[in-house]
């Protein structure tokens, strides 16, 4: 109960910060600490579990735009969602929030976090935060239910986390851009081996086995079942060194979805892939009007 009380306190602090925009909790002390944007994101996400209030000061109380379709806009919306989370967890301890951020990388003003959550149940999430003048002003995410068994035997989030090859960031982003155009969008699918390694392709999608053969088998199975995975539009490509994220929309299991794909690249080829796929909520049912893909 102590943890849930702390989480509820964190939710109240967010709401209070939104109502009293002139006083962000401990913001002056936070600025003096020279905390990196990556650290700010990790601390803010961890506060969902611990209830720590100081990370509230990392968010711009005057300007915080929310793109999660299930959360109302601004700090008040974030606080309300956490308040609801605490209430749900009080009734069912198995839903007590937990946060384990496994990998974090950044691209300019954007920070990307890949996290193992217990957030209204076990989930894997990819979050994007945008900063201005050291404060978070915008948030996007994509959440997928966590599974216990995967086709490859890997988890949805394990694998390397070290950021390398910073000098190849732009080349790797271009590689992913071309992979999407030629293979995911179907312009030149036969060029897949120019982008994905034929020797190593470690897969974390729950339904896909390792290697190009595993990918081909899964896509063929979906197509034969009349459930083809279709990428319709890419909205953003973000990357740092050997990690690149693409944010896209399309069709999966005959429903409109958001595709967040993380690729790890070595020597000019994709060698590993993680993703989250989330069903889109009709705009009429969304709790904010900011759009899932306005990035």
C-alpha atoms as a PDB file:
ATOM      1  CA  UNK A   1       0.000   0.000   0.000  1.00  0.00           C
ATOM      2  CA  UNK A   2       2.921   2.345   0.657  1.00  0.00           C
ATOM      3  CA  UNK A   3       3.996   2.149  -2.991  1.00  0.00           C
ATOM      4  CA  UNK A   4       0.446   2.829  -4.198  1.00  0.00           C
ATOM      5  CA  UNK A   5       0.238   5.831  -1.877  1.00  0.00           C
ATOM      6  CA  UNK A   6       3.455   7.185  -3.386  1.00  0.00           C
ATOM      7  CA  UNK A   7       2.122   6.685  -6.908  1.00  0.00           C
ATOM      8  CA  UNK A   8      -1.092   8.480  -6.025  1.00  0.00           C
ATOM      9  CA  UNK A   9       0.997  11.289  -4.524  1.00  0.00           C
ATOM     10  CA  UNK A  10       2.932  11.492  -7.805  1.00  0.00           C
ATOM     11  CA  UNK A  11      -0.357  11.722  -9.711  1.00  0.00           C
ATOM     12  CA  UNK A  12      -1.573  14.501  -7.412  1.00  0.00           C
ATOM     13  CA  UNK A  13       1.736  16.324  -7.832  1.00  0.00           C
ATOM     14  CA  UNK A  14       1.319  16.247 -11.621  1.00  0.00           C
ATOM     15  CA  UNK A  15      -2.174  17.671 -11.359  1.00  0.00           C
ATOM     16  CA  UNK A  16      -1.101  20.323  -8.879  1.00  0.00           C
ATOM     17  CA  UNK A  17       1.799  21.286 -11.118  1.00  0.00           C
ATOM     18  CA  UNK A  18      -0.612  21.705 -14.016  1.00  0.00           C
ATOM     19  CA  UNK A  19      -2.897  23.913 -11.921  1.00  0.00           C
ATOM     20  CA  UNK A  20      -0.052  26.014 -10.515  1.00  0.00           C
ATOM     21  CA  UNK A  21       2.165  26.494 -13.529  1.00  0.00           C
ATOM     22  CA  UNK A  22       4.540  28.911 -11.818  1.00  0.00           C
ATOM     23  CA  UNK A  23       5.935  26.337  -9.394  1.00  0.00           C
ATOM     24  CA  UNK A  24       7.326  23.118 -10.843  1.00  0.00           C
ATOM     25  CA  UNK A  25       8.395  20.742  -8.100  1.00  0.00           C
ATOM     26  CA  UNK A  26      12.123  21.077  -7.377  1.00  0.00           C
ATOM     27  CA  UNK A  27      12.698  22.426 -10.882  1.00  0.00           C
ATOM     28  CA  UNK A  28      15.441  24.805  -9.817  1.00  0.00           C
ATOM     29  CA  UNK A  29      17.414  22.042  -8.146  1.00  0.00           C
ATOM     30  CA  UNK A  30      16.942  19.792 -11.165  1.00  0.00           C
ATOM     31  CA  UNK A  31      18.368  22.416 -13.524  1.00  0.00           C
ATOM     32  CA  UNK A  32      21.474  22.776 -11.384  1.00  0.00           C
ATOM     33  CA  UNK A  33      22.150  19.033 -11.490  1.00  0.00           C
ATOM     34  CA  UNK A  34      22.777  19.089 -15.257  1.00  0.00           C
ATOM     35  CA  UNK A  35      20.851  15.875 -15.798  1.00  0.00           C
ATOM     36  CA  UNK A  36      20.902  14.584 -19.383  1.00  0.00           C
ATOM     37  CA  UNK A  37      17.652  14.295 -21.315  1.00  0.00           C
ATOM     38  CA  UNK A  38      18.052  10.509 -21.345  1.00  0.00           C
ATOM     39  CA  UNK A  39      18.345  10.457 -17.561  1.00  0.00           C
ATOM     40  CA  UNK A  40      15.292  12.687 -17.239  1.00  0.00           C
ATOM     41  CA  UNK A  41      13.221  10.255 -19.272  1.00  0.00           C
ATOM     42  CA  UNK A  42      14.425   7.245 -17.293  1.00  0.00           C
ATOM     43  CA  UNK A  43      13.693   8.974 -13.981  1.00  0.00           C
ATOM     44  CA  UNK A  44      10.253  10.142 -15.098  1.00  0.00           C
ATOM     45  CA  UNK A  45       9.254   6.677 -16.254  1.00  0.00           C
ATOM     46  CA  UNK A  46      10.602   5.052 -13.092  1.00  0.00           C
ATOM     47  CA  UNK A  47       8.525   7.503 -11.047  1.00  0.00           C
ATOM     48  CA  UNK A  48       5.416   5.741 -12.359  1.00  0.00           C
ATOM     49  CA  UNK A  49       6.572   2.817 -10.208  1.00  0.00           C
ATOM     50  CA  UNK A  50       8.145   4.610  -7.256  1.00  0.00           C
ATOM     51  CA  UNK A  51       5.959   7.706  -6.970  1.00  0.00           C
ATOM     52  CA  UNK A  52       9.021   9.995  -6.832  1.00  0.00           C
ATOM     53  CA  UNK A  53       7.865  13.579  -7.271  1.00  0.00           C
ATOM     54  CA  UNK A  54      11.062  15.321  -8.370  1.00  0.00           C
ATOM     55  CA  UNK A  55      10.807  14.117 -12.016  1.00  0.00           C
ATOM     56  CA  UNK A  56       7.614  16.162 -12.394  1.00  0.00           C
ATOM     57  CA  UNK A  57       9.974  19.101 -12.786  1.00  0.00           C
ATOM     58  CA  UNK A  58      11.301  17.624 -16.023  1.00  0.00           C
ATOM     59  CA  UNK A  59       7.956  18.352 -17.716  1.00  0.00           C
ATOM     60  CA  UNK A  60       7.018  21.794 -18.997  1.00  0.00           C
ATOM     61  CA  UNK A  61       3.869  22.547 -17.003  1.00  0.00           C
ATOM     62  CA  UNK A  62       2.845  25.292 -19.459  1.00  0.00           C
ATOM     63  CA  UNK A  63       3.279  23.171 -22.565  1.00  0.00           C
ATOM     64  CA  UNK A  64       2.882  19.386 -22.496  1.00  0.00           C
ATOM     65  CA  UNK A  65       1.218  17.736 -25.488  1.00  0.00           C
ATOM     66  CA  UNK A  66       0.017  14.152 -25.144  1.00  0.00           C
ATOM     67  CA  UNK A  67      -0.391  11.739 -28.076  1.00  0.00           C
ATOM     68  CA  UNK A  68      -1.315   8.572 -26.179  1.00  0.00           C
ATOM     69  CA  UNK A  69      -4.925   8.217 -27.282  1.00  0.00           C
ATOM     70  CA  UNK A  70      -6.046   6.872 -23.892  1.00  0.00           C
ATOM     71  CA  UNK A  71      -4.685   9.827 -21.888  1.00  0.00           C
ATOM     72  CA  UNK A  72      -6.089  13.353 -21.738  1.00  0.00           C
ATOM     73  CA  UNK A  73      -3.847  16.239 -22.757  1.00  0.00           C
ATOM     74  CA  UNK A  74      -1.407  18.068 -20.485  1.00  0.00           C
ATOM     75  CA  UNK A  75      -0.041  17.302 -17.048  1.00  0.00           C
ATOM     76  CA  UNK A  76      -3.550  17.001 -15.619  1.00  0.00           C
ATOM     77  CA  UNK A  77      -4.310  14.196 -18.068  1.00  0.00           C
ATOM     78  CA  UNK A  78      -1.102  12.369 -17.146  1.00  0.00           C
ATOM     79  CA  UNK A  79      -1.904  12.774 -13.456  1.00  0.00           C
ATOM     80  CA  UNK A  80      -5.439  11.485 -13.926  1.00  0.00           C
ATOM     81  CA  UNK A  81      -4.172   8.366 -15.719  1.00  0.00           C
ATOM     82  CA  UNK A  82      -1.735   7.621 -12.893  1.00  0.00           C
ATOM     83  CA  UNK A  83      -4.459   8.190 -10.330  1.00  0.00           C
ATOM     84  CA  UNK A  84      -6.624   5.635 -12.106  1.00  0.00           C
ATOM     85  CA  UNK A  85      -3.650   3.250 -12.250  1.00  0.00           C
ATOM     86  CA  UNK A  86      -3.188   3.509  -8.476  1.00  0.00           C
ATOM     87  CA  UNK A  87      -6.883   2.833  -7.877  1.00  0.00           C
ATOM     88  CA  UNK A  88      -6.837  -0.247 -10.123  1.00  0.00           C
ATOM     89  CA  UNK A  89      -3.690  -1.577  -8.437  1.00  0.00           C
ATOM     90  CA  UNK A  90      -5.240  -1.080  -4.985  1.00  0.00           C
ATOM     91  CA  UNK A  91      -7.994  -3.504  -5.977  1.00  0.00           C
ATOM     92  CA  UNK A  92      -5.654  -5.943  -7.743  1.00  0.00           C
ATOM     93  CA  UNK A  93      -2.026  -6.026  -6.480  1.00  0.00           C
ATOM     94  CA  UNK A  94      -0.978  -7.960  -9.606  1.00  0.00           C
ATOM     95  CA  UNK A  95      -1.495  -4.696 -11.482  1.00  0.00           C
ATOM     96  CA  UNK A  96       0.838  -2.670  -9.254  1.00  0.00           C
ATOM     97  CA  UNK A  97       2.884  -0.586 -11.718  1.00  0.00           C
ATOM     98  CA  UNK A  98       6.449  -1.597 -12.523  1.00  0.00           C
ATOM     99  CA  UNK A  99       8.856   0.054 -14.916  1.00  0.00           C
ATOM    100  CA  UNK A 100      12.121  -1.338 -16.290  1.00  0.00           C
ATOM    101  CA  UNK A 101      13.563   0.785 -19.081  1.00  0.00           C
ATOM    102  CA  UNK A 102      16.001  -1.411 -21.004  1.00  0.00           C
ATOM    103  CA  UNK A 103      17.370   0.818 -23.760  1.00  0.00           C
ATOM    104  CA  UNK A 104      17.374   4.570 -24.350  1.00  0.00           C
ATOM    105  CA  UNK A 105      18.688   6.539 -27.312  1.00  0.00           C
ATOM    106  CA  UNK A 106      18.216  10.058 -28.604  1.00  0.00           C
ATOM    107  CA  UNK A 107      18.055  12.033 -31.810  1.00  0.00           C
ATOM    108  CA  UNK A 108      18.311  15.783 -31.398  1.00  0.00           C
ATOM    109  CA  UNK A 109      15.431  16.927 -29.171  1.00  0.00           C
ATOM    110  CA  UNK A 110      13.869  13.444 -29.157  1.00  0.00           C
ATOM    111  CA  UNK A 111      14.524  10.687 -26.609  1.00  0.00           C
ATOM    112  CA  UNK A 112      13.338   7.130 -27.281  1.00  0.00           C
ATOM    113  CA  UNK A 113      12.817   4.660 -24.412  1.00  0.00           C
ATOM    114  CA  UNK A 114      12.183   0.920 -24.741  1.00  0.00           C
ATOM    115  CA  UNK A 115      10.520  -0.307 -21.555  1.00  0.00           C
ATOM    116  CA  UNK A 116       9.173  -3.405 -19.854  1.00  0.00           C
ATOM    117  CA  UNK A 117       6.015  -2.199 -18.067  1.00  0.00           C
ATOM    118  CA  UNK A 118       3.335  -3.382 -15.745  1.00  0.00           C
ATOM    119  CA  UNK A 119       0.935  -0.625 -16.747  1.00  0.00           C
ATOM    120  CA  UNK A 120      -2.679  -1.785 -16.446  1.00  0.00           C
ATOM    121  CA  UNK A 121      -1.125  -5.215 -17.018  1.00  0.00           C
ATOM    122  CA  UNK A 122       2.205  -6.457 -18.465  1.00  0.00           C
ATOM    123  CA  UNK A 123       3.207  -4.545 -21.592  1.00  0.00           C
ATOM    124  CA  UNK A 124       6.199  -3.638 -23.716  1.00  0.00           C
ATOM    125  CA  UNK A 125       6.338   0.042 -24.597  1.00  0.00           C
ATOM    126  CA  UNK A 126       8.283   2.332 -26.871  1.00  0.00           C
ATOM    127  CA  UNK A 127       8.007   5.962 -25.763  1.00  0.00           C
ATOM    128  CA  UNK A 128       9.146   9.113 -27.542  1.00  0.00           C
ATOM    129  CA  UNK A 129       9.669  12.361 -25.648  1.00  0.00           C
ATOM    130  CA  UNK A 130      10.408  15.726 -27.241  1.00  0.00           C
ATOM    131  CA  UNK A 131      12.375  18.339 -25.294  1.00  0.00           C
ATOM    132  CA  UNK A 132      12.565  22.112 -25.530  1.00  0.00           C
ATOM    133  CA  UNK A 133      15.057  24.017 -23.392  1.00  0.00           C
ATOM    134  CA  UNK A 134      15.680  20.974 -21.232  1.00  0.00           C
ATOM    135  CA  UNK A 135      12.012  20.243 -20.485  1.00  0.00           C
ATOM    136  CA  UNK A 136       9.645  17.617 -21.895  1.00  0.00           C
ATOM    137  CA  UNK A 137       6.964  19.219 -24.048  1.00  0.00           C
ATOM    138  CA  UNK A 138       5.531  16.286 -25.998  1.00  0.00           C
ATOM    139  CA  UNK A 139       5.013  12.526 -25.680  1.00  0.00           C
ATOM    140  CA  UNK A 140       4.141   9.665 -28.015  1.00  0.00           C
ATOM    141  CA  UNK A 141       4.095   5.941 -27.279  1.00  0.00           C
ATOM    142  CA  UNK A 142       3.127   2.512 -28.550  1.00  0.00           C
ATOM    143  CA  UNK A 143       2.211  -0.307 -26.161  1.00  0.00           C
ATOM    144  CA  UNK A 144       1.785  -4.019 -26.792  1.00  0.00           C
ATOM    145  CA  UNK A 145       0.725  -6.828 -24.479  1.00  0.00           C
ATOM    146  CA  UNK A 146       3.629  -8.845 -23.107  1.00  0.00           C
ATOM    147  CA  UNK A 147       3.717 -12.559 -23.943  1.00  0.00           C
ATOM    148  CA  UNK A 148       5.407 -15.430 -22.120  1.00  0.00           C
ATOM    149  CA  UNK A 149       6.475 -17.418 -25.205  1.00  0.00           C
ATOM    150  CA  UNK A 150       7.796 -16.149 -28.523  1.00  0.00           C
ATOM    151  CA  UNK A 151       8.525 -17.889 -31.810  1.00  0.00           C
ATOM    152  CA  UNK A 152      12.250 -17.141 -31.555  1.00  0.00           C
ATOM    153  CA  UNK A 153      12.618 -17.970 -27.871  1.00  0.00           C
ATOM    154  CA  UNK A 154      13.773 -14.412 -27.225  1.00  0.00           C
ATOM    155  CA  UNK A 155      11.798 -11.951 -25.127  1.00  0.00           C
ATOM    156  CA  UNK A 156      10.178  -8.891 -26.647  1.00  0.00           C
ATOM    157  CA  UNK A 157      12.794  -6.597 -25.130  1.00  0.00           C
ATOM    158  CA  UNK A 158      16.070  -8.437 -24.355  1.00  0.00           C
ATOM    159  CA  UNK A 159      19.266  -8.098 -26.367  1.00  0.00           C
ATOM    160  CA  UNK A 160      22.082  -5.544 -26.735  1.00  0.00           C
ATOM    161  CA  UNK A 161      21.643  -2.044 -25.347  1.00  0.00           C
ATOM    162  CA  UNK A 162      25.048  -0.426 -25.992  1.00  0.00           C
ATOM    163  CA  UNK A 163      24.953   2.503 -28.398  1.00  0.00           C
ATOM    164  CA  UNK A 164      27.817   2.324 -30.886  1.00  0.00           C
ATOM    165  CA  UNK A 165      28.827   3.764 -34.267  1.00  0.00           C
ATOM    166  CA  UNK A 166      27.683   7.315 -33.586  1.00  0.00           C
ATOM    167  CA  UNK A 167      29.422   8.414 -36.761  1.00  0.00           C
ATOM    168  CA  UNK A 168      27.077   6.148 -38.749  1.00  0.00           C
ATOM    169  CA  UNK A 169      23.812   7.532 -37.377  1.00  0.00           C
ATOM    170  CA  UNK A 170      22.676   9.265 -40.560  1.00  0.00           C
ATOM    171  CA  UNK A 171      23.754   6.365 -42.781  1.00  0.00           C
ATOM    172  CA  UNK A 172      21.829   3.934 -40.585  1.00  0.00           C
ATOM    173  CA  UNK A 173      18.711   6.116 -40.642  1.00  0.00           C
ATOM    174  CA  UNK A 174      18.948   6.235 -44.430  1.00  0.00           C
ATOM    175  CA  UNK A 175      19.313   2.449 -44.516  1.00  0.00           C
ATOM    176  CA  UNK A 176      16.079   2.035 -42.549  1.00  0.00           C
ATOM    177  CA  UNK A 177      14.317   4.626 -44.701  1.00  0.00           C
ATOM    178  CA  UNK A 178      15.251   2.677 -47.830  1.00  0.00           C
ATOM    179  CA  UNK A 179      14.317  -0.634 -46.185  1.00  0.00           C
ATOM    180  CA  UNK A 180      10.857   0.741 -45.493  1.00  0.00           C
ATOM    181  CA  UNK A 181      10.406   2.065 -49.016  1.00  0.00           C
ATOM    182  CA  UNK A 182      11.717  -0.982 -50.865  1.00  0.00           C
ATOM    183  CA  UNK A 183      10.573  -3.833 -48.622  1.00  0.00           C
ATOM    184  CA  UNK A 184       7.911  -2.717 -46.136  1.00  0.00           C
ATOM    185  CA  UNK A 185       6.063  -0.588 -48.696  1.00  0.00           C
ATOM    186  CA  UNK A 186       6.798  -3.006 -51.519  1.00  0.00           C
ATOM    187  CA  UNK A 187       8.642  -0.887 -54.085  1.00  0.00           C
ATOM    188  CA  UNK A 188      11.483  -3.419 -54.512  1.00  0.00           C
ATOM    189  CA  UNK A 189      10.982  -6.340 -52.086  1.00  0.00           C
ATOM    190  CA  UNK A 190      13.693  -8.424 -53.759  1.00  0.00           C
ATOM    191  CA  UNK A 191      16.251  -5.968 -52.359  1.00  0.00           C
ATOM    192  CA  UNK A 192      15.659  -7.183 -48.795  1.00  0.00           C
ATOM    193  CA  UNK A 193      19.140  -8.747 -48.539  1.00  0.00           C
ATOM    194  CA  UNK A 194      20.664  -5.330 -49.235  1.00  0.00           C
ATOM    195  CA  UNK A 195      19.223  -4.159 -45.920  1.00  0.00           C
ATOM    196  CA  UNK A 196      18.826  -7.192 -43.633  1.00  0.00           C
ATOM    197  CA  UNK A 197      21.727  -9.513 -42.891  1.00  0.00           C
ATOM    198  CA  UNK A 198      21.478 -13.042 -44.281  1.00  0.00           C
ATOM    199  CA  UNK A 199      23.813 -14.291 -41.526  1.00  0.00           C
ATOM    200  CA  UNK A 200      22.147 -12.808 -38.424  1.00  0.00           C
ATOM    201  CA  UNK A 201      18.678 -11.428 -37.930  1.00  0.00           C
ATOM    202  CA  UNK A 202      17.629 -11.718 -34.279  1.00  0.00           C
ATOM    203  CA  UNK A 203      13.889 -11.327 -33.961  1.00  0.00           C
ATOM    204  CA  UNK A 204      11.854 -10.123 -30.969  1.00  0.00           C
ATOM    205  CA  UNK A 205       8.409  -9.949 -32.551  1.00  0.00           C
ATOM    206  CA  UNK A 206       6.459 -12.609 -30.598  1.00  0.00           C
ATOM    207  CA  UNK A 207       5.171 -14.396 -33.704  1.00  0.00           C
ATOM    208  CA  UNK A 208       8.296 -14.365 -35.886  1.00  0.00           C
ATOM    209  CA  UNK A 209      11.266 -16.738 -35.784  1.00  0.00           C
ATOM    210  CA  UNK A 210      14.882 -15.623 -36.202  1.00  0.00           C
ATOM    211  CA  UNK A 211      16.412 -15.024 -39.618  1.00  0.00           C
ATOM    212  CA  UNK A 212      15.072 -13.975 -42.973  1.00  0.00           C
ATOM    213  CA  UNK A 213      13.477 -17.403 -43.371  1.00  0.00           C
ATOM    214  CA  UNK A 214      11.515 -16.863 -40.183  1.00  0.00           C
ATOM    215  CA  UNK A 215      10.327 -13.459 -41.387  1.00  0.00           C
ATOM    216  CA  UNK A 216       9.289 -14.863 -44.755  1.00  0.00           C
ATOM    217  CA  UNK A 217       7.437 -17.751 -43.123  1.00  0.00           C
ATOM    218  CA  UNK A 218       5.467 -15.436 -40.838  1.00  0.00           C
ATOM    219  CA  UNK A 219       4.509 -13.006 -43.608  1.00  0.00           C
ATOM    220  CA  UNK A 220       3.458 -15.863 -45.896  1.00  0.00           C
ATOM    221  CA  UNK A 221       1.314 -17.383 -43.157  1.00  0.00           C
ATOM    222  CA  UNK A 222      -0.454 -14.073 -42.535  1.00  0.00           C
ATOM    223  CA  UNK A 223      -1.069 -13.516 -46.237  1.00  0.00           C
ATOM    224  CA  UNK A 224      -2.497 -17.029 -46.707  1.00  0.00           C
ATOM    225  CA  UNK A 225      -4.841 -16.417 -43.779  1.00  0.00           C
ATOM    226  CA  UNK A 226      -6.062 -13.197 -45.377  1.00  0.00           C
ATOM    227  CA  UNK A 227      -4.407 -11.161 -42.610  1.00  0.00           C
ATOM    228  CA  UNK A 228      -1.552  -9.550 -44.509  1.00  0.00           C
ATOM    229  CA  UNK A 229       0.579  -7.029 -42.600  1.00  0.00           C
ATOM    230  CA  UNK A 230       0.424  -3.794 -44.573  1.00  0.00           C
ATOM    231  CA  UNK A 231       2.544  -0.699 -43.983  1.00  0.00           C
ATOM    232  CA  UNK A 232       0.749   2.344 -45.386  1.00  0.00           C
ATOM    233  CA  UNK A 233       2.773   5.377 -44.262  1.00  0.00           C
ATOM    234  CA  UNK A 234       5.941   6.200 -42.335  1.00  0.00           C
ATOM    235  CA  UNK A 235       5.767   9.250 -40.073  1.00  0.00           C
ATOM    236  CA  UNK A 236       9.197   9.455 -38.479  1.00  0.00           C
ATOM    237  CA  UNK A 237      12.635   7.878 -38.381  1.00  0.00           C
ATOM    238  CA  UNK A 238      14.785   8.560 -35.329  1.00  0.00           C
ATOM    239  CA  UNK A 239      18.158   7.091 -34.488  1.00  0.00           C
ATOM    240  CA  UNK A 240      21.406   7.208 -32.594  1.00  0.00           C
ATOM    241  CA  UNK A 241      24.357   5.151 -33.765  1.00  0.00           C
ATOM    242  CA  UNK A 242      23.391   1.521 -34.256  1.00  0.00           C
ATOM    243  CA  UNK A 243      19.759   1.912 -33.100  1.00  0.00           C
ATOM    244  CA  UNK A 244      17.030   3.306 -35.363  1.00  0.00           C
ATOM    245  CA  UNK A 245      13.290   3.658 -34.680  1.00  0.00           C
ATOM    246  CA  UNK A 246      10.637   3.961 -37.377  1.00  0.00           C
ATOM    247  CA  UNK A 247       7.095   5.142 -36.582  1.00  0.00           C
ATOM    248  CA  UNK A 248       4.533   3.968 -39.137  1.00  0.00           C
ATOM    249  CA  UNK A 249       0.858   3.203 -39.571  1.00  0.00           C
ATOM    250  CA  UNK A 250      -0.901   0.454 -41.450  1.00  0.00           C
ATOM    251  CA  UNK A 251      -3.073  -2.640 -41.220  1.00  0.00           C
ATOM    252  CA  UNK A 252      -2.553  -5.717 -39.054  1.00  0.00           C
ATOM    253  CA  UNK A 253      -5.131  -8.458 -38.491  1.00  0.00           C
ATOM    254  CA  UNK A 254      -7.502  -6.309 -40.586  1.00  0.00           C
ATOM    255  CA  UNK A 255      -7.322  -3.424 -38.119  1.00  0.00           C
ATOM    256  CA  UNK A 256      -5.674  -0.011 -38.286  1.00  0.00           C
ATOM    257  CA  UNK A 257      -2.535  -0.015 -36.161  1.00  0.00           C
ATOM    258  CA  UNK A 258       0.606   1.885 -35.277  1.00  0.00           C
ATOM    259  CA  UNK A 259       3.896   0.115 -35.997  1.00  0.00           C
ATOM    260  CA  UNK A 260       6.916   1.121 -33.897  1.00  0.00           C
ATOM    261  CA  UNK A 261       9.997  -0.766 -35.136  1.00  0.00           C
ATOM    262  CA  UNK A 262      13.474  -0.622 -33.587  1.00  0.00           C
ATOM    263  CA  UNK A 263      16.345  -1.888 -35.713  1.00  0.00           C
ATOM    264  CA  UNK A 264      19.920  -2.617 -34.626  1.00  0.00           C
ATOM    265  CA  UNK A 265      22.457  -2.213 -37.376  1.00  0.00           C
ATOM    266  CA  UNK A 266      25.975  -3.593 -37.765  1.00  0.00           C
ATOM    267  CA  UNK A 267      28.274  -3.080 -40.749  1.00  0.00           C
ATOM    268  CA  UNK A 268      25.531  -1.602 -42.886  1.00  0.00           C
ATOM    269  CA  UNK A 269      22.941  -4.338 -42.313  1.00  0.00           C
ATOM    270  CA  UNK A 270      20.027  -4.821 -39.925  1.00  0.00           C
ATOM    271  CA  UNK A 271      20.909  -7.641 -37.506  1.00  0.00           C
ATOM    272  CA  UNK A 272      18.152  -7.303 -34.901  1.00  0.00           C
ATOM    273  CA  UNK A 273      14.542  -6.135 -34.670  1.00  0.00           C
ATOM    274  CA  UNK A 274      12.122  -5.227 -31.871  1.00  0.00           C
ATOM    275  CA  UNK A 275       8.633  -3.839 -32.328  1.00  0.00           C
ATOM    276  CA  UNK A 276       5.325  -2.909 -30.752  1.00  0.00           C
ATOM    277  CA  UNK A 277       2.022  -2.974 -32.607  1.00  0.00           C
ATOM    278  CA  UNK A 278      -0.937  -1.104 -31.143  1.00  0.00           C
ATOM    279  CA  UNK A 279      -4.496  -0.848 -32.436  1.00  0.00           C
ATOM    280  CA  UNK A 280      -5.580   2.699 -33.207  1.00  0.00           C
ATOM    281  CA  UNK A 281      -8.498   4.234 -31.366  1.00  0.00           C
ATOM    282  CA  UNK A 282     -11.039   6.095 -33.558  1.00  0.00           C
ATOM    283  CA  UNK A 283     -10.458   9.831 -33.214  1.00  0.00           C
ATOM    284  CA  UNK A 284     -13.980  10.215 -31.833  1.00  0.00           C
ATOM    285  CA  UNK A 285     -13.021   7.964 -28.890  1.00  0.00           C
ATOM    286  CA  UNK A 286      -9.554   9.401 -28.172  1.00  0.00           C
ATOM    287  CA  UNK A 287      -9.081  11.393 -24.947  1.00  0.00           C
ATOM    288  CA  UNK A 288      -7.079  14.089 -26.737  1.00  0.00           C
ATOM    289  CA  UNK A 289      -7.196  15.637 -30.196  1.00  0.00           C
ATOM    290  CA  UNK A 290      -3.443  15.712 -30.853  1.00  0.00           C
ATOM    291  CA  UNK A 291      -3.313  12.675 -33.152  1.00  0.00           C
ATOM    292  CA  UNK A 292      -1.286   9.496 -32.776  1.00  0.00           C
ATOM    293  CA  UNK A 293       1.172  10.390 -35.537  1.00  0.00           C
ATOM    294  CA  UNK A 294       1.660  14.162 -35.413  1.00  0.00           C
ATOM    295  CA  UNK A 295       5.421  13.968 -34.982  1.00  0.00           C
END
